[in-house]
Protein backbone atom coordinates (compact mmCIF):
# COMPACT_ATOMS: atom_id res chain seq x y z
CA MET A 1 160.27 -129.10 -170.32
CA GLN A 2 159.64 -126.45 -172.96
CA PRO A 3 158.64 -127.84 -176.38
CA LYS A 4 161.58 -127.80 -178.81
CA ILE A 5 161.21 -126.70 -182.46
CA LEU A 6 163.73 -127.26 -185.26
CA LEU A 7 163.99 -124.28 -187.68
CA VAL A 8 165.49 -125.11 -191.08
CA ASP A 9 166.23 -122.27 -193.52
CA ASP A 10 169.30 -121.33 -195.55
CA ARG A 11 168.83 -117.63 -194.69
CA GLU A 12 169.77 -116.41 -191.22
CA ASP A 13 167.37 -113.47 -191.35
CA ASN A 14 164.43 -115.84 -191.92
CA LEU A 15 165.52 -117.93 -188.93
CA LEU A 16 165.75 -114.83 -186.73
CA SER A 17 162.34 -113.51 -187.83
CA ILE A 18 160.59 -116.83 -187.11
CA GLU A 19 162.29 -117.02 -183.71
CA ALA A 20 161.11 -113.47 -182.96
CA ILE A 21 157.50 -114.39 -183.82
CA PHE A 22 157.48 -117.15 -181.16
CA GLU A 23 159.43 -115.28 -178.49
CA PRO A 24 156.31 -114.63 -176.30
CA ASP A 25 155.45 -118.38 -176.33
CA GLY A 26 158.66 -119.51 -174.66
CA TYR A 27 159.55 -122.32 -177.07
CA ARG A 28 163.08 -123.58 -177.44
CA PHE A 29 164.60 -123.44 -180.89
CA VAL A 30 167.37 -125.33 -182.63
CA LYS A 31 168.44 -123.73 -185.95
CA ALA A 32 169.82 -125.39 -189.07
CA ASN A 33 170.89 -123.45 -192.21
CA SER A 34 170.56 -126.39 -194.60
CA GLY A 35 168.89 -129.76 -195.05
CA ARG A 36 172.17 -131.55 -194.37
CA SER A 37 172.66 -129.55 -191.17
CA ALA A 38 169.13 -130.50 -190.07
CA LEU A 39 169.81 -134.19 -190.74
CA LYS A 40 173.03 -133.98 -188.75
CA ILE A 41 171.18 -132.48 -185.78
CA LEU A 42 168.51 -135.16 -186.00
CA LEU A 43 171.12 -137.88 -185.76
CA THR A 44 171.45 -137.17 -182.00
CA GLU A 45 168.27 -135.28 -181.08
CA PHE A 46 164.82 -136.81 -181.43
CA ASP A 47 162.70 -134.83 -178.96
CA PHE A 48 161.42 -132.14 -181.34
CA ALA A 49 157.79 -131.16 -181.13
CA LEU A 50 157.80 -129.67 -184.61
CA ILE A 51 159.99 -128.87 -187.64
CA LEU A 52 159.53 -125.57 -189.51
CA MET A 53 161.39 -125.96 -192.81
CA ASP A 54 161.90 -123.83 -195.90
CA VAL A 55 161.16 -125.62 -199.17
CA LYS A 56 163.69 -123.93 -201.40
CA MET A 57 167.21 -124.63 -200.14
CA PRO A 58 170.47 -125.40 -202.00
CA ASN A 59 171.76 -128.98 -202.28
CA LEU A 60 168.81 -130.58 -200.44
CA ASN A 61 165.45 -128.88 -200.72
CA GLY A 62 162.75 -129.17 -198.10
CA PHE A 63 160.91 -132.06 -199.77
CA GLU A 64 164.10 -134.11 -200.13
CA THR A 65 165.13 -133.36 -196.56
CA ALA A 66 161.69 -134.39 -195.28
CA SER A 67 161.85 -137.68 -197.19
CA LEU A 68 165.25 -138.47 -195.65
CA ILE A 69 164.01 -137.51 -192.18
CA TYR A 70 161.02 -139.86 -192.34
CA GLU A 71 163.19 -142.76 -193.45
CA ARG A 72 164.25 -143.02 -189.81
CA GLU A 73 161.70 -144.69 -187.54
CA LYS A 74 162.56 -142.50 -184.57
CA LEU A 75 161.75 -139.31 -186.51
CA LYS A 76 158.45 -140.28 -188.13
CA HIS A 77 156.42 -138.81 -185.28
CA ILE A 78 157.76 -135.23 -185.80
CA PRO A 79 155.29 -133.08 -187.80
CA ILE A 80 156.75 -130.78 -190.50
CA ILE A 81 155.35 -127.43 -191.63
CA PHE A 82 156.81 -126.24 -194.92
CA ILE A 83 157.44 -122.53 -195.39
CA THR A 84 157.58 -121.36 -199.01
CA ALA A 85 157.52 -118.11 -200.96
CA ASN A 86 156.03 -119.74 -204.06
CA ASN A 87 152.67 -121.33 -204.72
CA PHE A 88 153.49 -124.16 -207.10
CA GLY A 89 149.95 -125.41 -207.33
CA ASP A 90 148.20 -128.51 -206.09
CA GLU A 91 150.69 -130.91 -207.66
CA ASN A 92 153.60 -129.54 -205.66
CA ALA A 93 151.43 -129.27 -202.56
CA TYR A 94 150.61 -132.98 -202.95
CA LYS A 95 154.32 -133.67 -203.35
CA GLY A 96 154.95 -131.85 -200.08
CA TYR A 97 152.28 -133.82 -198.25
CA GLN A 98 153.72 -137.02 -199.70
CA ALA A 99 157.09 -136.01 -198.26
CA GLY A 100 155.48 -135.78 -194.83
CA ALA A 101 154.26 -132.22 -194.47
CA VAL A 102 151.30 -131.58 -192.21
CA ASP A 103 150.78 -128.01 -193.40
CA TYR A 104 152.05 -125.14 -195.54
CA ILE A 105 152.81 -121.54 -194.62
CA TYR A 106 153.26 -119.09 -197.46
CA LYS A 107 155.50 -116.05 -197.38
CA PRO A 108 155.13 -113.34 -196.40
CA ILE A 109 154.36 -115.06 -193.10
CA ASN A 110 151.30 -114.04 -191.15
CA PRO A 111 152.58 -114.26 -187.52
CA ASN A 112 149.15 -114.94 -186.03
CA VAL A 113 148.39 -117.73 -188.47
CA LEU A 114 151.81 -119.30 -187.95
CA ARG A 115 151.49 -119.10 -184.14
CA ALA A 116 147.97 -120.58 -184.25
CA LYS A 117 149.03 -123.55 -186.40
CA VAL A 118 152.14 -124.17 -184.34
CA SER A 119 150.08 -123.87 -181.13
CA VAL A 120 147.74 -126.64 -182.30
CA LEU A 121 150.66 -128.95 -183.10
CA ILE A 122 152.45 -128.12 -179.84
CA ASP A 123 149.26 -128.89 -177.92
CA LEU A 124 149.02 -132.24 -179.71
CA TYR A 125 152.67 -132.87 -178.89
CA ARG A 126 152.11 -132.15 -175.20
CA LYS A 127 149.09 -134.42 -175.06
CA ASN A 128 151.01 -137.12 -176.89
CA GLN A 129 153.85 -136.80 -174.39
CA GLN A 130 151.37 -137.14 -171.55
CA LEU A 131 149.97 -140.27 -173.18
CA ILE A 132 153.48 -141.65 -173.57
CA LEU A 133 154.18 -140.97 -169.89
CA GLN A 134 150.90 -142.62 -168.92
CA GLU A 135 151.74 -145.58 -171.11
CA GLN A 136 155.16 -145.87 -169.47
CA LYS A 137 153.54 -145.73 -166.04
CA LEU A 138 151.00 -148.38 -167.06
CA VAL A 139 153.79 -150.56 -168.44
CA ALA A 140 155.71 -150.14 -165.18
CA ILE A 141 152.57 -150.91 -163.14
CA ASN A 142 151.84 -153.92 -165.33
CA ARG A 143 155.41 -155.15 -164.93
CA SER A 144 155.14 -154.65 -161.18
CA LEU A 145 151.85 -156.58 -161.14
CA GLU A 146 153.39 -159.38 -163.19
CA ASN A 147 156.29 -159.57 -160.75
CA GLU A 148 153.88 -159.55 -157.82
CA ILE A 149 151.81 -162.32 -159.42
CA LYS A 150 154.97 -164.33 -160.02
CA GLU A 151 156.06 -163.77 -156.41
CA ARG A 152 152.60 -164.74 -155.14
CA LYS A 153 152.58 -167.86 -157.29
CA ALA A 154 156.05 -168.71 -156.01
CA SER A 155 154.86 -168.05 -152.44
CA GLU A 156 151.75 -170.19 -152.98
CA GLU A 157 153.89 -173.00 -154.35
CA LYS A 158 156.21 -172.63 -151.37
CA VAL A 159 153.24 -172.65 -148.96
CA LYS A 160 151.83 -175.74 -150.70
CA MET A 161 155.19 -177.44 -150.42
CA LEU A 162 155.52 -176.45 -146.76
CA ASN A 163 151.95 -177.62 -146.07
CA HIS A 164 152.74 -180.91 -147.76
CA ARG A 165 155.86 -181.29 -145.64
CA LEU A 166 153.89 -180.28 -142.54
CA LEU A 167 151.23 -182.90 -143.26
CA GLU A 168 153.96 -185.49 -143.76
CA ASN A 169 155.60 -184.44 -140.48
CA ILE A 170 152.25 -184.57 -138.67
CA SER A 171 151.62 -188.02 -140.11
CA ASN A 172 155.11 -189.14 -139.08
CA LEU A 173 154.64 -187.66 -135.59
CA GLU A 174 151.26 -189.33 -135.18
CA SER A 175 152.79 -192.62 -136.27
CA ALA A 176 155.73 -192.10 -133.90
CA ASN A 177 153.34 -191.22 -131.06
CA ARG A 178 151.31 -194.34 -131.70
CA ASP A 179 154.49 -196.41 -131.74
CA LEU A 180 155.66 -194.68 -128.57
CA ASP A 181 152.32 -195.29 -126.86
CA ARG A 182 152.43 -198.95 -127.87
CA PHE A 183 156.01 -199.20 -126.63
CA ALA A 184 155.14 -197.48 -123.35
CA PHE A 185 152.16 -199.81 -122.90
CA MET A 186 154.15 -202.96 -123.68
CA ALA A 187 157.20 -201.88 -121.67
CA SER A 188 155.09 -200.92 -118.67
CA HIS A 189 153.10 -204.13 -118.93
CA ASP A 190 156.26 -206.27 -119.14
CA LEU A 191 157.84 -204.41 -116.21
CA GLN A 192 155.03 -205.35 -113.86
CA GLU A 193 156.03 -209.02 -113.51
CA PRO A 194 159.68 -208.45 -112.39
CA LEU A 195 158.48 -205.58 -110.21
CA ARG A 196 155.88 -207.85 -108.60
CA LYS A 197 158.62 -210.37 -107.82
CA ILE A 198 160.80 -207.65 -106.28
CA ARG A 199 157.96 -206.63 -104.02
CA VAL A 200 157.01 -210.22 -103.12
CA PHE A 201 160.54 -211.41 -102.34
CA SER A 202 161.56 -208.24 -100.50
CA ASP A 203 158.41 -208.64 -98.39
CA ARG A 204 159.33 -212.30 -97.69
CA LEU A 205 162.85 -211.29 -96.72
CA PHE A 206 161.55 -208.69 -94.35
CA HIS A 207 159.05 -210.95 -92.59
CA LYS A 208 161.34 -214.01 -92.45
CA TYR A 209 164.62 -212.37 -91.50
CA GLN A 210 163.64 -209.14 -89.79
CA GLN A 211 164.71 -210.58 -86.41
CA LEU A 212 168.18 -211.27 -87.83
CA LEU A 213 168.60 -207.87 -89.49
CA ASP A 214 170.06 -204.86 -87.78
CA ASP A 215 168.50 -201.43 -88.12
CA ASP A 216 170.53 -200.66 -91.26
CA GLY A 217 169.38 -203.86 -92.97
CA LYS A 218 165.76 -203.17 -92.09
CA SER A 219 166.12 -199.63 -93.41
CA ASN A 220 167.53 -200.88 -96.72
CA LEU A 221 164.71 -203.39 -97.17
CA ASN A 222 162.20 -200.71 -96.35
CA ARG A 223 163.72 -198.45 -99.01
CA ILE A 224 163.50 -201.28 -101.57
CA GLN A 225 159.81 -201.74 -100.79
CA GLN A 226 159.08 -197.99 -100.99
CA ALA A 227 160.96 -197.68 -104.31
CA ALA A 228 159.03 -200.66 -105.67
CA GLU A 229 155.75 -199.07 -104.61
CA ARG A 230 156.67 -195.81 -106.34
CA MET A 231 157.67 -197.76 -109.45
CA GLN A 232 154.36 -199.63 -109.37
CA ALA A 233 152.46 -196.34 -109.18
CA LEU A 234 154.51 -194.93 -112.06
CA ILE A 235 153.90 -198.00 -114.25
CA THR A 236 150.19 -197.88 -113.46
CA ASP A 237 150.01 -194.21 -114.47
CA ILE A 238 151.98 -194.79 -117.68
CA LEU A 239 149.69 -197.67 -118.59
CA THR A 240 146.66 -195.48 -117.94
CA PHE A 241 148.12 -192.69 -120.08
CA SER A 242 148.88 -195.13 -122.91
CA LYS A 243 145.37 -196.57 -122.74
CA VAL A 244 143.90 -193.07 -123.09
CA SER A 245 145.90 -192.50 -126.30
CA ALA A 246 144.77 -195.85 -127.71
CA GLU A 247 141.22 -195.63 -126.40
CA LYS A 248 138.55 -195.79 -129.07
CA MET A 249 136.35 -192.82 -128.23
CA THR A 250 132.75 -193.82 -127.66
CA PHE A 251 130.42 -191.31 -126.04
CA SER A 252 127.43 -191.78 -123.84
CA GLU A 253 125.60 -189.74 -121.23
CA CYS A 254 127.72 -189.03 -118.15
CA ASN A 255 126.06 -187.70 -115.04
CA LEU A 256 128.90 -185.66 -113.53
CA LYS A 257 127.25 -185.55 -110.09
CA GLU A 258 127.17 -189.36 -109.95
CA VAL A 259 130.77 -189.64 -111.19
CA ILE A 260 132.01 -187.23 -108.53
CA ASN A 261 130.00 -188.93 -105.76
CA ASP A 262 131.55 -192.30 -106.71
CA ILE A 263 135.03 -190.76 -106.53
CA LEU A 264 134.30 -189.20 -103.14
CA ALA A 265 133.26 -192.61 -101.87
CA ASP A 266 136.62 -194.01 -102.98
CA VAL A 267 138.62 -191.27 -101.24
CA ASP A 268 136.38 -191.22 -98.16
CA GLU A 269 139.13 -192.53 -95.87
CA GLU A 270 141.56 -189.80 -96.87
CA VAL A 271 138.82 -187.16 -96.60
CA ARG A 272 138.21 -188.27 -93.02
CA GLN A 273 141.88 -188.34 -92.12
CA ARG A 274 142.35 -184.79 -93.37
CA HIS A 275 138.94 -183.64 -92.02
CA ALA A 276 138.31 -182.20 -95.47
CA GLN A 277 135.14 -180.38 -96.45
CA ILE A 278 133.97 -181.03 -100.02
CA GLU A 279 131.08 -179.04 -101.48
CA VAL A 280 129.56 -180.22 -104.76
CA ASP A 281 126.93 -178.08 -106.46
CA ASP A 282 124.39 -179.38 -108.95
CA MET A 283 126.19 -180.68 -112.04
CA TYR A 284 125.24 -181.14 -115.69
CA THR A 285 124.92 -184.33 -117.68
CA ILE A 286 127.28 -184.36 -120.63
CA GLN A 287 128.19 -186.76 -123.39
CA GLY A 288 131.59 -188.29 -122.74
CA ASN A 289 133.58 -191.43 -122.32
CA PRO A 290 132.79 -192.79 -118.82
CA GLY A 291 136.06 -194.73 -118.67
CA LEU A 292 138.01 -191.48 -119.08
CA ILE A 293 135.80 -188.96 -117.27
CA ARG A 294 136.25 -190.81 -113.98
CA PRO A 295 140.13 -190.72 -113.86
CA LEU A 296 139.95 -187.07 -114.94
CA PHE A 297 138.00 -186.00 -111.86
CA TYR A 298 139.72 -188.55 -109.61
CA ASN A 299 143.13 -187.02 -110.30
CA LEU A 300 141.92 -183.45 -109.80
CA ILE A 301 140.10 -184.21 -106.52
CA ASN A 302 143.00 -186.34 -105.28
CA ASN A 303 145.43 -183.48 -106.05
CA ALA A 304 143.26 -181.02 -104.15
CA LEU A 305 143.46 -183.31 -101.10
CA LYS A 306 147.15 -184.10 -101.52
CA TYR A 307 148.33 -180.48 -101.79
CA SER A 308 146.33 -179.18 -98.85
CA LYS A 309 147.98 -177.11 -96.10
CA LYS A 310 149.04 -178.68 -92.81
CA ASP A 311 146.88 -177.88 -89.80
CA ILE A 312 144.27 -176.17 -91.98
CA THR A 313 141.01 -177.85 -92.92
CA PRO A 314 140.99 -178.57 -96.66
CA ILE A 315 138.00 -177.03 -98.37
CA ILE A 316 137.23 -178.19 -101.90
CA LYS A 317 134.39 -176.64 -103.92
CA ILE A 318 133.14 -178.16 -107.17
CA ARG A 319 130.65 -176.32 -109.34
CA SER A 320 129.65 -176.07 -112.98
CA GLU A 321 128.09 -173.63 -115.42
CA LEU A 322 127.15 -173.50 -119.08
CA SER A 323 129.12 -171.41 -121.57
CA MET A 324 128.67 -170.90 -125.28
CA THR A 325 131.04 -170.05 -128.12
CA THR A 326 130.20 -169.28 -131.74
CA SER A 327 132.08 -170.71 -134.70
CA THR A 328 131.64 -170.72 -138.48
CA ARG A 329 131.09 -174.03 -140.21
CA ASN A 330 130.08 -174.72 -143.84
CA GLY A 331 129.30 -171.06 -144.38
CA GLY A 332 126.95 -170.90 -141.39
CA THR A 333 127.19 -169.94 -137.73
CA VAL A 334 127.19 -172.73 -135.14
CA ASP A 335 126.70 -172.30 -131.38
CA ASN A 336 128.96 -174.60 -129.36
CA ARG A 337 127.83 -175.26 -125.78
CA TYR A 338 130.25 -176.26 -123.08
CA CYS A 339 129.96 -177.40 -119.50
CA ARG A 340 132.58 -175.52 -117.52
CA ILE A 341 133.56 -177.21 -114.24
CA TYR A 342 135.52 -175.46 -111.48
CA ILE A 343 137.45 -177.44 -108.85
CA GLU A 344 138.63 -174.94 -106.24
CA ASP A 345 140.75 -175.62 -103.16
CA ASN A 346 142.45 -173.68 -100.36
CA GLY A 347 145.72 -175.62 -100.58
CA ILE A 348 149.35 -174.62 -100.98
CA GLY A 349 148.86 -173.32 -104.54
CA PHE A 350 151.69 -172.60 -106.97
CA ASP A 351 153.20 -169.75 -108.96
CA GLN A 352 150.94 -168.85 -111.90
CA LYS A 353 153.93 -168.87 -114.25
CA TYR A 354 153.85 -172.68 -114.02
CA ALA A 355 150.15 -172.86 -114.99
CA GLU A 356 150.92 -174.48 -118.36
CA GLU A 357 154.00 -176.48 -117.34
CA ILE A 358 152.14 -178.47 -114.69
CA PHE A 359 150.25 -180.33 -117.45
CA GLY A 360 153.50 -181.72 -118.89
CA MET A 361 154.59 -185.32 -118.44
CA PHE A 362 156.61 -185.97 -115.24
CA LYS A 363 156.40 -182.28 -114.28
CA ARG A 364 156.56 -181.82 -110.52
CA LEU A 365 156.81 -178.53 -108.63
CA HIS A 366 157.67 -180.21 -105.31
CA ARG A 367 160.13 -182.85 -104.18
CA HIS A 368 158.90 -186.43 -103.82
CA ALA A 369 159.72 -186.34 -100.12
CA GLU A 370 157.18 -183.54 -99.65
CA PHE A 371 154.32 -184.90 -101.76
CA GLU A 372 153.99 -188.32 -103.31
CA GLY A 373 153.17 -188.65 -106.99
CA THR A 374 154.50 -189.67 -110.40
CA GLY A 375 154.09 -186.37 -112.28
CA ILE A 376 151.69 -187.96 -114.77
CA GLY A 377 148.30 -187.15 -113.22
CA LEU A 378 147.77 -183.69 -114.71
CA ALA A 379 149.24 -184.75 -118.08
CA LEU A 380 146.65 -187.53 -118.06
CA CYS A 381 143.90 -185.01 -117.24
CA LYS A 382 144.92 -182.81 -120.17
CA LYS A 383 145.02 -185.82 -122.49
CA ILE A 384 141.52 -186.90 -121.44
CA VAL A 385 140.08 -183.40 -121.85
CA GLU A 386 141.64 -183.05 -125.31
CA GLN A 387 140.20 -186.44 -126.28
CA HIS A 388 136.81 -184.88 -125.52
CA ASN A 389 137.63 -181.75 -127.62
CA GLY A 390 137.69 -179.72 -124.43
CA TYR A 391 140.05 -177.42 -122.56
CA ILE A 392 141.71 -177.41 -119.15
CA SER A 393 143.53 -174.61 -117.37
CA ALA A 394 144.56 -173.59 -113.87
CA ARG A 395 144.61 -170.42 -111.77
CA SER A 396 146.66 -170.29 -108.61
CA LYS A 397 148.65 -168.24 -106.12
CA ILE A 398 151.21 -169.52 -103.67
CA ASN A 399 149.55 -170.30 -100.29
CA GLU A 400 146.17 -169.12 -101.63
CA GLY A 401 144.91 -172.31 -103.26
CA SER A 402 144.25 -173.36 -106.84
CA THR A 403 141.30 -173.53 -109.22
CA PHE A 404 141.25 -176.01 -112.08
CA ILE A 405 138.82 -175.19 -114.90
CA ILE A 406 137.62 -177.89 -117.28
CA SER A 407 135.47 -177.08 -120.32
CA LEU A 408 133.79 -180.09 -121.91
CA PRO A 409 131.36 -179.90 -124.87
CA LEU A 410 127.80 -180.92 -124.15
CA MET A 411 127.60 -182.46 -127.64
CA HIS A 412 123.92 -181.42 -127.88
CA GLN A 413 122.43 -178.04 -128.73
CA LYS A 414 119.88 -178.20 -125.94
CA GLU A 415 120.73 -177.93 -122.27
CA HIS A 416 120.40 -180.99 -120.06
CA ALA A 417 118.46 -180.58 -116.89
CA PHE A 418 120.22 -180.64 -113.54
CA LYS A 419 120.46 -184.11 -112.13
């Protein structure tokens, strides 16, 4: 915006001459023909860069008008240059400065002097306006920062509250899981005695009265015995799962080659029946819980045999390798070494979209009539691996076999030799 100047003089010709002097500079002018008229204008307009005012005016002279102007706080920033035809000496000049004048111009007016003085004040006004704008921007920025700080503090408080709730929920869930595990253990343990009696007495009935039973009766007894066997397997698996959750983790050296060889000895009969070929490469020695490592590999090897294709020789390959990940701990970099074990088969496989679901409790991809099982084996494997701070995953394609990958920490920085 163009700087605005208030011209105050009781003579119209003086107002016109001053306006003509500044015409090349492009200022805007508001004219008042008396002190009262100037005060009236200043009641509604405050954005003047400068006031040029005649001293000698009727009713209110320039000094009186200036004193009244500066009584208002909003007008104190406007500089006043007095224009006078008389030199009343230093005393009157002092009186003018007391009234608020920043300078005097004597008549007849020297246009160049007047323009130079006004130019200096206009330049100061512009710079002052820029400072005011900068101050407003800084105030706005500061207000925005204050609001942002308040929002961040509110967010931090909310996060703290949510974290507190989360920790409470985790604690409650852990407590509920422990209670559930204890319940599952106790319930499964208590179910074994009535189940044992069902199996014993159904077996007695069958052997004692099988000659008196017709085919339908024999079939019904046979179904009772099969259901009892499945229930026994389920209870056994649930008990095993519960024991894993409650197991106090103690680690010692586990020679994986020896563990796998022991398992293969246990499943030797089934391996022979299926004419399976099992290849086991050299394995690493890790630190783990022997009581849990064995059921981990037993379930995976047993699954590889169970889900083999009909009329095709099952081939199971077991191998291991070392892998290393890097993590940050206590401000430093730590190398974490893992033993990665692959158990690969050429069985029926499964759709890869179920690769995570198969590790859920009671999750089965096939009907019980096709393949026996309780749906707990892989959930147990995942639980055991997690107890060892490890990872388990599966890759598979339908009719192209499956590969289960187990990563278990070595627990030591140095590699163990092959055993």
